[in-house]
Amino acid sequence: MAIELTKKTMDGNEAAAYTSYAFTENAAIYPITPSSPMADHTDQWAQQGRKNIFGQTVNIVEMESEGGASGAVHGSLATGALTTTYTASQGLLLMIPNMYKIAGELLPCVFHVSARALAAHALNIFGDHADVYACRQTGFAMLCSNSVQEVADLAAVAHLATIKTRVPFIHFFDGFRTSHEIQK
């Protein structure tokens, strides 16, 4: 029996959200540019009643800060729920303390990151991976995507690998470049 493939046109943020939604039970979100569309898509699909691969609608919790989002991820993971968050730059740095706890407790999760440059006092939209490299020592495995297709594919790899190994993953890609690039 032949399988009919459907092509979709989307940007990197939607590709990450599309794939991660399938593997997620809970998503703790706090919008931060350029990753905000990932949280927006996930929230919108949950409100529409879209089901994940477990036949459930994803439970969305919007937090008051990035640190709160990572704390909510940790709490959700401790109950056994497959949990995801989406972030970028300074937001990722605020998640580092909870990332140590998540990795130390071998809790399977994926942080999808639209990487961009860090800024001290003003918005910086340039591509940079300093935010991701600041997390190297946390115990999270890292996967980097270079195109929208890779974002979709490696998001699935990250979710399946974290479930199999109990090692948490950072799945990252260029903010504003890959995150907003549209491909079919």
N, C-alpha and C. Protein backbone atom coordinates (compact mmCIF):
# COMPACT_ATOMS: atom_id res chain seq x y z
N MET A 1 0.85 -1.17 0.00
CA MET A 1 0.00 0.00 0.00
C MET A 1 0.89 1.23 0.00
N ALA A 2 0.64 2.14 -0.90
CA ALA A 2 1.43 3.37 -1.01
C ALA A 2 0.94 4.41 -0.01
N ILE A 3 1.89 5.10 0.57
CA ILE A 3 1.57 6.18 1.51
C ILE A 3 1.59 7.49 0.74
N GLU A 4 0.53 8.25 0.86
CA GLU A 4 0.47 9.54 0.19
C GLU A 4 1.08 10.60 1.09
N LEU A 5 2.10 11.28 0.59
CA LEU A 5 2.77 12.32 1.35
C LEU A 5 2.13 13.67 1.06
N THR A 6 2.02 14.46 2.09
CA THR A 6 1.48 15.81 1.95
C THR A 6 2.59 16.80 2.25
N LYS A 7 2.81 17.74 1.35
CA LYS A 7 3.80 18.78 1.57
C LYS A 7 3.12 19.99 2.19
N LYS A 8 3.82 20.62 3.12
CA LYS A 8 3.30 21.82 3.77
C LYS A 8 4.34 22.92 3.63
N THR A 9 3.87 24.13 3.46
CA THR A 9 4.75 25.29 3.42
C THR A 9 4.71 25.94 4.79
N MET A 10 5.88 26.12 5.40
CA MET A 10 5.94 26.70 6.74
C MET A 10 7.32 27.26 7.01
N ASP A 11 7.43 28.06 8.07
CA ASP A 11 8.74 28.57 8.47
C ASP A 11 9.32 27.65 9.55
N GLY A 12 10.54 27.95 9.98
CA GLY A 12 11.21 27.11 10.96
C GLY A 12 10.49 27.02 12.29
N ASN A 13 9.94 28.13 12.75
CA ASN A 13 9.20 28.11 14.01
C ASN A 13 7.99 27.19 13.92
N GLU A 14 7.25 27.29 12.83
CA GLU A 14 6.07 26.43 12.68
C GLU A 14 6.47 24.97 12.54
N ALA A 15 7.59 24.70 11.86
CA ALA A 15 8.06 23.33 11.71
C ALA A 15 8.39 22.71 13.07
N ALA A 16 9.07 23.48 13.92
CA ALA A 16 9.39 22.98 15.26
C ALA A 16 8.12 22.76 16.08
N ALA A 17 7.20 23.71 16.01
CA ALA A 17 5.95 23.59 16.76
C ALA A 17 5.11 22.43 16.24
N TYR A 18 5.04 22.29 14.92
CA TYR A 18 4.25 21.23 14.29
C TYR A 18 4.71 19.85 14.75
N THR A 19 6.02 19.64 14.71
CA THR A 19 6.57 18.35 15.10
C THR A 19 6.49 18.15 16.61
N SER A 20 6.86 19.16 17.38
CA SER A 20 6.88 18.99 18.83
C SER A 20 5.48 18.80 19.41
N TYR A 21 4.49 19.41 18.79
CA TYR A 21 3.11 19.26 19.28
C TYR A 21 2.71 17.78 19.33
N ALA A 22 3.15 17.02 18.36
CA ALA A 22 2.79 15.60 18.29
C ALA A 22 3.32 14.81 19.48
N PHE A 23 4.47 15.21 20.03
CA PHE A 23 5.12 14.46 21.09
C PHE A 23 4.95 15.08 22.47
N THR A 24 4.16 16.11 22.60
CA THR A 24 4.07 16.88 23.83
C THR A 24 2.74 16.68 24.53
N GLU A 25 2.81 16.52 25.86
CA GLU A 25 1.60 16.49 26.68
C GLU A 25 1.36 17.86 27.33
N ASN A 26 2.43 18.49 27.81
CA ASN A 26 2.35 19.81 28.43
C ASN A 26 3.39 20.73 27.79
N ALA A 27 3.03 21.99 27.59
CA ALA A 27 3.98 22.99 27.09
C ALA A 27 3.91 24.20 28.00
N ALA A 28 5.05 24.56 28.59
CA ALA A 28 5.14 25.77 29.40
C ALA A 28 5.76 26.84 28.52
N ILE A 29 5.05 27.93 28.32
CA ILE A 29 5.50 28.93 27.34
C ILE A 29 5.63 30.31 27.96
N TYR A 30 6.56 31.06 27.42
CA TYR A 30 6.68 32.49 27.67
C TYR A 30 7.25 33.08 26.39
N PRO A 31 6.46 33.85 25.66
CA PRO A 31 6.90 34.34 24.35
C PRO A 31 8.13 35.24 24.43
N ILE A 32 9.10 34.97 23.56
CA ILE A 32 10.29 35.81 23.44
C ILE A 32 10.74 35.75 21.98
N THR A 33 11.01 36.88 21.40
CA THR A 33 11.41 36.98 20.00
C THR A 33 12.79 36.34 19.82
N PRO A 34 13.01 35.56 18.79
CA PRO A 34 12.20 35.21 17.64
C PRO A 34 11.46 33.87 17.77
N SER A 35 11.35 33.34 18.98
CA SER A 35 10.71 32.03 19.15
C SER A 35 9.22 32.12 19.45
N SER A 36 8.68 33.31 19.60
CA SER A 36 7.26 33.48 19.97
C SER A 36 6.29 32.71 19.08
N PRO A 37 6.50 32.66 17.75
CA PRO A 37 5.53 31.92 16.92
C PRO A 37 5.41 30.44 17.29
N MET A 38 6.46 29.82 17.81
CA MET A 38 6.34 28.41 18.22
C MET A 38 5.31 28.27 19.33
N ALA A 39 5.40 29.12 20.33
CA ALA A 39 4.44 29.10 21.44
C ALA A 39 3.05 29.47 20.94
N ASP A 40 2.97 30.45 20.05
CA ASP A 40 1.68 30.88 19.50
C ASP A 40 0.98 29.75 18.75
N HIS A 41 1.72 29.06 17.88
CA HIS A 41 1.14 27.94 17.13
C HIS A 41 0.65 26.85 18.08
N THR A 42 1.48 26.49 19.03
CA THR A 42 1.12 25.44 19.98
C THR A 42 -0.13 25.81 20.76
N ASP A 43 -0.18 27.03 21.23
CA ASP A 43 -1.35 27.51 21.98
C ASP A 43 -2.60 27.50 21.10
N GLN A 44 -2.46 27.96 19.88
CA GLN A 44 -3.60 28.01 18.95
C GLN A 44 -4.13 26.61 18.65
N TRP A 45 -3.23 25.67 18.38
CA TRP A 45 -3.66 24.30 18.08
C TRP A 45 -4.34 23.65 19.28
N ALA A 46 -3.83 23.92 20.47
CA ALA A 46 -4.47 23.37 21.67
C ALA A 46 -5.87 23.94 21.85
N GLN A 47 -6.03 25.24 21.60
CA GLN A 47 -7.36 25.86 21.71
C GLN A 47 -8.33 25.30 20.67
N GLN A 48 -7.81 24.88 19.53
CA GLN A 48 -8.65 24.29 18.49
C GLN A 48 -8.98 22.82 18.77
N GLY A 49 -8.37 22.27 19.82
CA GLY A 49 -8.63 20.88 20.18
C GLY A 49 -7.82 19.87 19.40
N ARG A 50 -6.77 20.31 18.74
CA ARG A 50 -5.92 19.41 17.96
C ARG A 50 -5.31 18.36 18.89
N LYS A 51 -5.21 17.13 18.43
CA LYS A 51 -4.70 16.03 19.24
C LYS A 51 -3.24 15.73 18.91
N ASN A 52 -2.49 15.29 19.93
CA ASN A 52 -1.12 14.82 19.71
C ASN A 52 -1.16 13.33 19.38
N ILE A 53 -0.02 12.67 19.30
CA ILE A 53 0.00 11.25 18.93
C ILE A 53 -0.60 10.36 20.02
N PHE A 54 -0.79 10.91 21.20
CA PHE A 54 -1.39 10.15 22.30
C PHE A 54 -2.90 10.33 22.35
N GLY A 55 -3.46 11.08 21.39
CA GLY A 55 -4.89 11.32 21.34
C GLY A 55 -5.36 12.36 22.33
N GLN A 56 -4.43 13.20 22.81
CA GLN A 56 -4.76 14.22 23.80
C GLN A 56 -4.50 15.61 23.23
N THR A 57 -5.21 16.59 23.77
CA THR A 57 -4.91 17.98 23.46
C THR A 57 -3.79 18.42 24.39
N VAL A 58 -2.82 19.11 23.86
CA VAL A 58 -1.68 19.57 24.67
C VAL A 58 -2.16 20.60 25.69
N ASN A 59 -1.71 20.44 26.92
CA ASN A 59 -2.02 21.38 27.99
C ASN A 59 -0.99 22.52 27.92
N ILE A 60 -1.46 23.75 27.73
CA ILE A 60 -0.59 24.92 27.61
C ILE A 60 -0.65 25.73 28.89
N VAL A 61 0.52 26.09 29.41
CA VAL A 61 0.61 26.96 30.58
C VAL A 61 1.49 28.13 30.19
N GLU A 62 0.92 29.34 30.15
CA GLU A 62 1.72 30.53 29.85
C GLU A 62 2.19 31.12 31.17
N MET A 63 3.49 31.25 31.31
CA MET A 63 4.09 31.69 32.57
C MET A 63 4.41 33.19 32.53
N GLU A 64 4.85 33.70 33.68
CA GLU A 64 5.14 35.12 33.83
C GLU A 64 6.57 35.48 33.45
N SER A 65 7.42 34.47 33.26
CA SER A 65 8.81 34.72 32.88
C SER A 65 9.41 33.44 32.30
N GLU A 66 10.58 33.58 31.71
CA GLU A 66 11.28 32.42 31.18
C GLU A 66 11.70 31.48 32.29
N GLY A 67 12.15 32.05 33.41
CA GLY A 67 12.52 31.22 34.56
C GLY A 67 11.32 30.44 35.07
N GLY A 68 10.17 31.09 35.07
CA GLY A 68 8.94 30.42 35.48
C GLY A 68 8.56 29.30 34.53
N ALA A 69 8.78 29.53 33.23
CA ALA A 69 8.48 28.50 32.24
C ALA A 69 9.35 27.27 32.46
N SER A 70 10.65 27.47 32.72
CA SER A 70 11.52 26.32 32.94
C SER A 70 11.19 25.63 34.26
N GLY A 71 10.77 26.39 35.27
CA GLY A 71 10.33 25.79 36.53
C GLY A 71 9.08 24.95 36.33
N ALA A 72 8.16 25.46 35.51
CA ALA A 72 6.94 24.71 35.20
C ALA A 72 7.27 23.45 34.41
N VAL A 73 8.24 23.54 33.50
CA VAL A 73 8.69 22.36 32.76
C VAL A 73 9.21 21.32 33.75
N HIS A 74 10.06 21.74 34.67
CA HIS A 74 10.62 20.81 35.65
C HIS A 74 9.53 20.16 36.48
N GLY A 75 8.59 20.95 36.96
CA GLY A 75 7.49 20.39 37.75
C GLY A 75 6.64 19.42 36.97
N SER A 76 6.35 19.76 35.73
CA SER A 76 5.55 18.89 34.88
C SER A 76 6.28 17.58 34.59
N LEU A 77 7.58 17.68 34.32
CA LEU A 77 8.38 16.48 34.06
C LEU A 77 8.42 15.58 35.28
N ALA A 78 8.46 16.17 36.46
CA ALA A 78 8.51 15.38 37.70
C ALA A 78 7.25 14.54 37.89
N THR A 79 6.15 14.94 37.26
CA THR A 79 4.91 14.16 37.34
C THR A 79 4.85 13.09 36.26
N GLY A 80 5.83 13.08 35.35
CA GLY A 80 5.88 12.08 34.29
C GLY A 80 5.32 12.53 32.95
N ALA A 81 4.92 13.79 32.83
CA ALA A 81 4.36 14.28 31.57
C ALA A 81 5.48 14.67 30.60
N LEU A 82 5.30 14.36 29.33
CA LEU A 82 6.25 14.80 28.30
C LEU A 82 6.02 16.29 28.07
N THR A 83 7.06 17.07 28.34
CA THR A 83 6.90 18.53 28.39
C THR A 83 7.91 19.21 27.49
N THR A 84 7.48 20.32 26.89
CA THR A 84 8.30 21.08 25.94
C THR A 84 8.20 22.56 26.28
N THR A 85 9.24 23.31 25.91
CA THR A 85 9.16 24.77 25.95
C THR A 85 9.89 25.32 24.74
N TYR A 86 9.66 26.60 24.48
CA TYR A 86 10.23 27.29 23.32
C TYR A 86 10.82 28.60 23.81
N THR A 87 12.06 28.91 23.41
CA THR A 87 12.68 30.13 23.92
C THR A 87 13.80 30.60 22.99
N ALA A 88 14.46 31.69 23.41
CA ALA A 88 15.59 32.27 22.68
C ALA A 88 16.42 33.12 23.62
N SER A 89 17.65 33.36 23.26
CA SER A 89 18.60 34.29 23.88
C SER A 89 18.51 34.42 25.39
N GLN A 90 18.21 35.62 25.89
CA GLN A 90 18.19 35.85 27.33
C GLN A 90 17.22 34.91 28.04
N GLY A 91 16.14 34.55 27.37
CA GLY A 91 15.19 33.62 27.96
C GLY A 91 15.82 32.29 28.28
N LEU A 92 16.67 31.80 27.37
CA LEU A 92 17.35 30.54 27.61
C LEU A 92 18.31 30.66 28.79
N LEU A 93 19.00 31.78 28.89
CA LEU A 93 19.93 31.96 30.01
C LEU A 93 19.20 31.92 31.35
N LEU A 94 17.99 32.45 31.40
CA LEU A 94 17.22 32.42 32.64
C LEU A 94 16.73 31.02 32.99
N MET A 95 16.79 30.11 32.04
CA MET A 95 16.34 28.74 32.27
C MET A 95 17.46 27.83 32.78
N ILE A 96 18.69 28.29 32.72
CA ILE A 96 19.84 27.43 33.05
C ILE A 96 19.75 26.79 34.44
N PRO A 97 19.39 27.50 35.51
CA PRO A 97 19.33 26.82 36.81
C PRO A 97 18.41 25.59 36.82
N ASN A 98 17.26 25.70 36.19
CA ASN A 98 16.35 24.55 36.12
C ASN A 98 16.85 23.48 35.17
N MET A 99 17.63 23.88 34.17
CA MET A 99 18.18 22.89 33.24
C MET A 99 19.12 21.93 33.95
N TYR A 100 19.90 22.44 34.90
CA TYR A 100 20.77 21.55 35.69
C TYR A 100 19.94 20.51 36.44
N LYS A 101 18.85 20.94 37.03
CA LYS A 101 17.99 20.02 37.78
C LYS A 101 17.35 18.99 36.85
N ILE A 102 16.85 19.45 35.71
CA ILE A 102 16.20 18.55 34.75
C ILE A 102 17.19 17.48 34.27
N ALA A 103 18.39 17.90 33.89
CA ALA A 103 19.39 16.96 33.40
C ALA A 103 19.86 16.03 34.52
N GLY A 104 20.06 16.58 35.71
CA GLY A 104 20.52 15.77 36.83
C GLY A 104 19.53 14.70 37.25
N GLU A 105 18.26 14.96 37.03
CA GLU A 105 17.21 14.00 37.38
C GLU A 105 16.82 13.11 36.20
N LEU A 106 17.54 13.25 35.08
CA LEU A 106 17.28 12.46 33.86
C LEU A 106 15.82 12.52 33.44
N LEU A 107 15.30 13.73 33.34
CA LEU A 107 13.91 13.94 32.94
C LEU A 107 13.86 14.24 31.44
N PRO A 108 13.15 13.44 30.66
CA PRO A 108 13.14 13.61 29.20
C PRO A 108 12.30 14.80 28.75
N CYS A 109 12.95 15.76 28.09
CA CYS A 109 12.23 16.91 27.55
C CYS A 109 13.05 17.53 26.42
N VAL A 110 12.41 18.44 25.70
CA VAL A 110 13.09 19.16 24.62
C VAL A 110 12.79 20.64 24.76
N PHE A 111 13.86 21.45 24.71
CA PHE A 111 13.74 22.91 24.63
C PHE A 111 14.03 23.27 23.18
N HIS A 112 13.07 23.86 22.49
CA HIS A 112 13.28 24.32 21.11
C HIS A 112 13.71 25.78 21.17
N VAL A 113 14.86 26.08 20.57
CA VAL A 113 15.48 27.40 20.72
C VAL A 113 15.74 28.05 19.36
N SER A 114 15.16 29.22 19.14
CA SER A 114 15.52 30.07 18.00
C SER A 114 16.68 30.93 18.49
N ALA A 115 17.89 30.51 18.16
CA ALA A 115 19.08 31.15 18.72
C ALA A 115 19.31 32.53 18.10
N ARG A 116 19.62 33.49 18.96
CA ARG A 116 19.99 34.83 18.48
C ARG A 116 20.98 35.43 19.47
N ALA A 117 21.57 36.53 19.07
CA ALA A 117 22.59 37.17 19.88
C ALA A 117 22.01 37.68 21.20
N LEU A 118 22.86 37.68 22.21
CA LEU A 118 22.48 38.23 23.51
C LEU A 118 22.67 39.73 23.47
N ALA A 119 21.86 40.45 24.19
CA ALA A 119 21.96 41.91 24.23
C ALA A 119 21.94 42.36 25.68
N ALA A 120 22.79 43.32 26.01
CA ALA A 120 22.86 43.81 27.39
C ALA A 120 21.69 44.71 27.74
N HIS A 121 21.32 45.60 26.87
CA HIS A 121 20.27 46.55 27.22
C HIS A 121 19.31 46.87 26.07
N ALA A 122 19.59 46.42 24.88
CA ALA A 122 18.72 46.71 23.74
C ALA A 122 18.53 45.44 22.93
N LEU A 123 17.49 45.40 22.13
CA LEU A 123 17.21 44.23 21.32
C LEU A 123 18.31 44.03 20.28
N ASN A 124 18.76 42.82 20.15
CA ASN A 124 19.76 42.46 19.17
C ASN A 124 19.18 41.32 18.35
N ILE A 125 18.96 41.52 17.08
CA ILE A 125 18.32 40.50 16.26
C ILE A 125 19.31 39.71 15.42
N PHE A 126 20.59 39.88 15.65
CA PHE A 126 21.58 39.19 14.84
C PHE A 126 21.70 37.73 15.26
N GLY A 127 22.03 36.89 14.28
CA GLY A 127 22.19 35.47 14.54
C GLY A 127 23.45 35.21 15.35
N ASP A 128 23.33 34.36 16.32
CA ASP A 128 24.45 34.03 17.20
C ASP A 128 24.04 32.80 17.99
N HIS A 129 25.00 32.03 18.43
CA HIS A 129 24.70 30.85 19.23
C HIS A 129 25.25 30.96 20.64
N ALA A 130 25.59 32.17 21.07
CA ALA A 130 26.11 32.36 22.43
C ALA A 130 25.11 31.90 23.48
N ASP A 131 23.82 32.10 23.21
CA ASP A 131 22.81 31.66 24.17
C ASP A 131 22.84 30.14 24.34
N VAL A 132 22.98 29.42 23.25
CA VAL A 132 23.00 27.96 23.31
C VAL A 132 24.30 27.48 23.94
N TYR A 133 25.43 28.08 23.55
CA TYR A 133 26.70 27.63 24.09
C TYR A 133 26.83 27.88 25.58
N ALA A 134 26.09 28.81 26.11
CA ALA A 134 26.09 29.04 27.56
C ALA A 134 25.47 27.85 28.30
N CYS A 135 24.79 26.98 27.57
CA CYS A 135 24.11 25.83 28.18
C CYS A 135 24.87 24.52 28.02
N ARG A 136 26.06 24.57 27.44
CA ARG A 136 26.81 23.34 27.16
C ARG A 136 27.04 22.49 28.39
N GLN A 137 27.27 23.11 29.53
CA GLN A 137 27.63 22.37 30.74
C GLN A 137 26.42 21.88 31.54
N THR A 138 25.20 22.12 31.07
CA THR A 138 24.01 21.77 31.85
C THR A 138 23.68 20.29 31.84
N GLY A 139 24.19 19.54 30.88
CA GLY A 139 23.86 18.13 30.77
C GLY A 139 22.83 17.83 29.69
N PHE A 140 22.36 18.87 29.01
CA PHE A 140 21.44 18.69 27.89
C PHE A 140 22.22 18.29 26.65
N ALA A 141 21.70 17.36 25.87
CA ALA A 141 22.25 17.07 24.55
C ALA A 141 21.79 18.18 23.62
N MET A 142 22.53 18.39 22.53
CA MET A 142 22.19 19.49 21.62
C MET A 142 22.10 18.99 20.18
N LEU A 143 21.06 19.45 19.50
CA LEU A 143 20.89 19.20 18.08
C LEU A 143 20.71 20.54 17.38
N CYS A 144 21.43 20.73 16.28
CA CYS A 144 21.34 21.99 15.54
C CYS A 144 20.75 21.74 14.16
N SER A 145 19.77 22.52 13.79
CA SER A 145 19.14 22.43 12.47
C SER A 145 19.57 23.62 11.62
N ASN A 146 19.77 23.35 10.33
CA ASN A 146 20.25 24.39 9.42
C ASN A 146 19.23 24.80 8.37
N SER A 147 18.10 24.14 8.31
CA SER A 147 17.06 24.48 7.34
C SER A 147 15.70 24.16 7.95
N VAL A 148 14.66 24.62 7.33
CA VAL A 148 13.31 24.36 7.84
C VAL A 148 13.03 22.86 7.84
N GLN A 149 13.46 22.15 6.80
CA GLN A 149 13.26 20.70 6.75
C GLN A 149 14.00 20.02 7.90
N GLU A 150 15.23 20.45 8.17
CA GLU A 150 15.97 19.89 9.30
C GLU A 150 15.30 20.19 10.62
N VAL A 151 14.71 21.37 10.75
CA VAL A 151 13.99 21.71 11.98
C VAL A 151 12.88 20.68 12.22
N ALA A 152 12.09 20.40 11.19
CA ALA A 152 11.00 19.43 11.33
C ALA A 152 11.54 18.04 11.65
N ASP A 153 12.59 17.62 10.94
CA ASP A 153 13.13 16.28 11.13
C ASP A 153 13.83 16.11 12.47
N LEU A 154 14.71 17.06 12.81
CA LEU A 154 15.47 16.92 14.04
C LEU A 154 14.64 17.21 15.29
N ALA A 155 13.54 17.92 15.14
CA ALA A 155 12.62 18.06 16.28
C ALA A 155 12.08 16.69 16.66
N ALA A 156 11.71 15.89 15.67
CA ALA A 156 11.24 14.53 15.94
C ALA A 156 12.35 13.68 16.54
N VAL A 157 13.55 13.79 15.99
CA VAL A 157 14.69 13.04 16.53
C VAL A 157 14.92 13.40 17.99
N ALA A 158 14.88 14.70 18.31
CA ALA A 158 15.09 15.14 19.69
C ALA A 158 14.05 14.54 20.63
N HIS A 159 12.78 14.60 20.23
CA HIS A 159 11.72 14.07 21.09
C HIS A 159 11.84 12.56 21.27
N LEU A 160 12.10 11.84 20.19
CA LEU A 160 12.23 10.38 20.30
C LEU A 160 13.47 9.99 21.09
N ALA A 161 14.58 10.70 20.88
CA ALA A 161 15.82 10.39 21.59
C ALA A 161 15.70 10.66 23.08
N THR A 162 15.03 11.75 23.46
CA THR A 162 14.89 12.05 24.89
C THR A 162 14.00 11.03 25.58
N ILE A 163 12.98 10.55 24.88
CA ILE A 163 12.12 9.51 25.45
C ILE A 163 12.90 8.22 25.64
N LYS A 164 13.72 7.87 24.66
CA LYS A 164 14.49 6.62 24.70
C LYS A 164 15.62 6.67 25.73
N THR A 165 16.31 7.80 25.83
CA THR A 165 17.53 7.87 26.65
C THR A 165 17.35 8.57 27.99
N ARG A 166 16.27 9.33 28.16
CA ARG A 166 16.03 10.15 29.34
C ARG A 166 17.06 11.28 29.47
N VAL A 167 17.70 11.61 28.39
CA VAL A 167 18.62 12.76 28.35
C VAL A 167 17.85 13.92 27.73
N PRO A 168 17.75 15.07 28.42
CA PRO A 168 17.03 16.21 27.85
C PRO A 168 17.80 16.81 26.68
N PHE A 169 17.07 17.43 25.76
CA PHE A 169 17.66 17.98 24.54
C PHE A 169 17.36 19.45 24.38
N ILE A 170 18.35 20.17 23.83
CA ILE A 170 18.14 21.50 23.26
C ILE A 170 18.17 21.30 21.75
N HIS A 171 17.09 21.65 21.10
CA HIS A 171 17.05 21.62 19.64
C HIS A 171 17.06 23.08 19.19
N PHE A 172 18.14 23.50 18.54
CA PHE A 172 18.27 24.92 18.20
C PHE A 172 18.51 25.14 16.72
N PHE A 173 18.18 26.35 16.31
CA PHE A 173 18.35 26.78 14.92
C PHE A 173 18.45 28.29 14.92
N ASP A 174 18.93 28.85 13.81
CA ASP A 174 19.17 30.29 13.73
C ASP A 174 17.87 31.08 13.86
N GLY A 175 17.88 31.99 14.83
CA GLY A 175 16.74 32.88 14.99
C GLY A 175 16.72 33.91 13.87
N PHE A 176 15.55 34.21 13.37
CA PHE A 176 15.28 35.15 12.29
C PHE A 176 15.75 34.64 10.94
N ARG A 177 16.71 33.76 10.90
CA ARG A 177 17.15 33.22 9.62
C ARG A 177 16.36 31.95 9.33
N THR A 178 16.63 30.90 10.07
CA THR A 178 15.89 29.66 9.88
C THR A 178 14.50 29.73 10.50
N SER A 179 14.39 30.43 11.62
CA SER A 179 13.08 30.49 12.30
C SER A 179 12.01 31.15 11.44
N HIS A 180 12.40 32.09 10.61
CA HIS A 180 11.43 32.82 9.79
C HIS A 180 11.54 32.52 8.29
N GLU A 181 12.47 31.65 7.92
CA GLU A 181 12.59 31.23 6.52
C GLU A 181 11.42 30.32 6.18
N ILE A 182 10.85 30.51 5.02
CA ILE A 182 9.71 29.69 4.60
C ILE A 182 10.17 28.69 3.54
N GLN A 183 9.84 27.42 3.77
CA GLN A 183 10.16 26.35 2.82
C GLN A 183 8.96 25.44 2.65
N LYS A 184 8.98 24.68 1.59
CA LYS A 184 7.93 23.70 1.34
C LYS A 184 8.46 22.33 1.65
